[in-house]
Amino acid sequence: HRVRTTNVGSRVSVPIFTAPNPSEKIGPLAEVVKRDGVARYKELLFQDYMNNFFSQPHDGKKSLDFACAE
């Protein structure tokens, strides 16, 4: 999580943690893809994402690279 702050306005972050069932598909919101015309991330199983996340030591954006649409 990165935040860029300015002297013009404030920002509040509220973390929300969820844990879908391992067999649930996760992916970008259809409304965002429709609006932007492109999906930046692919739909995948939550279990596959978590297996990748915990398969190696955390190294930068490895998990994002795994989920990127090609």
Protein backbone atom coordinates (compact mmCIF):
# COMPACT_ATOMS: atom_id res chain seq x y z
CA HIS A 1 0.00 0.00 0.00
CA ARG A 2 1.43 3.32 -1.05
CA VAL A 3 -0.07 6.73 -0.46
CA ARG A 4 0.92 9.98 -2.03
CA THR A 5 -0.04 12.87 0.18
CA THR A 6 -0.31 16.56 -0.62
CA ASN A 7 -0.67 19.70 1.41
CA VAL A 8 -4.08 20.32 -0.23
CA GLY A 9 -6.10 17.43 1.15
CA SER A 10 -6.00 14.57 3.58
CA ARG A 11 -6.46 10.89 2.98
CA VAL A 12 -7.82 8.16 5.18
CA SER A 13 -7.10 4.48 4.56
CA VAL A 14 -9.29 1.79 6.07
CA PRO A 15 -7.91 -1.73 5.74
CA ILE A 16 -10.46 -4.45 5.14
CA PHE A 17 -9.34 -8.06 5.18
CA THR A 18 -11.32 -10.82 3.53
CA ALA A 19 -10.56 -14.45 2.85
CA PRO A 20 -12.67 -15.99 0.12
CA ASN A 21 -13.01 -19.74 -0.19
CA PRO A 22 -9.95 -21.23 -1.89
CA SER A 23 -12.07 -22.28 -4.90
CA GLU A 24 -13.52 -18.77 -5.44
CA LYS A 25 -12.49 -16.85 -8.52
CA ILE A 26 -10.99 -13.42 -7.90
CA GLY A 27 -10.37 -10.74 -10.49
CA PRO A 28 -11.05 -7.19 -11.55
CA LEU A 29 -14.52 -5.72 -11.13
CA ALA A 30 -16.54 -6.02 -14.34
CA GLU A 31 -17.63 -2.38 -14.00
CA VAL A 32 -14.01 -1.18 -13.97
CA VAL A 33 -13.04 -3.33 -16.95
CA LYS A 34 -16.08 -2.07 -18.86
CA ARG A 35 -15.25 1.56 -18.03
CA ASP A 36 -11.53 1.30 -18.82
CA GLY A 37 -11.88 -1.13 -21.72
CA VAL A 38 -9.04 -3.31 -20.48
CA ALA A 39 -8.42 -5.75 -17.65
CA ARG A 40 -5.03 -5.16 -16.06
CA TYR A 41 -5.30 -8.34 -13.99
CA LYS A 42 -6.62 -11.76 -14.90
CA GLU A 43 -9.29 -13.76 -13.13
CA LEU A 44 -7.86 -16.65 -11.14
CA LEU A 45 -8.62 -18.93 -8.23
CA PHE A 46 -7.93 -17.45 -4.81
CA GLN A 47 -6.05 -20.63 -3.84
CA ASP A 48 -3.72 -20.27 -6.85
CA TYR A 49 -3.00 -16.66 -5.93
CA MET A 50 -2.27 -17.54 -2.29
CA ASN A 51 -0.12 -20.53 -3.26
CA ASN A 52 1.96 -18.22 -5.44
CA PHE A 53 2.10 -15.55 -2.73
CA PHE A 54 3.46 -17.95 -0.10
CA SER A 55 5.60 -20.09 -2.42
CA GLN A 56 8.69 -17.87 -2.12
CA PRO A 57 9.90 -15.05 0.08
CA HIS A 58 8.08 -11.83 -0.66
CA ASP A 59 9.97 -10.02 -3.39
CA GLY A 60 8.55 -6.72 -4.53
CA LYS A 61 5.59 -7.06 -6.87
CA LYS A 62 5.89 -10.79 -7.54
CA SER A 63 2.23 -11.41 -6.66
CA LEU A 64 1.05 -8.59 -8.91
CA ASP A 65 3.17 -9.92 -11.77
CA PHE A 66 1.56 -13.35 -11.27
CA ALA A 67 -1.93 -11.83 -11.52
CA CYS A 68 -1.25 -9.45 -14.45
CA ALA A 69 -3.27 -9.97 -17.60
CA GLU A 70 -1.04 -10.67 -20.55
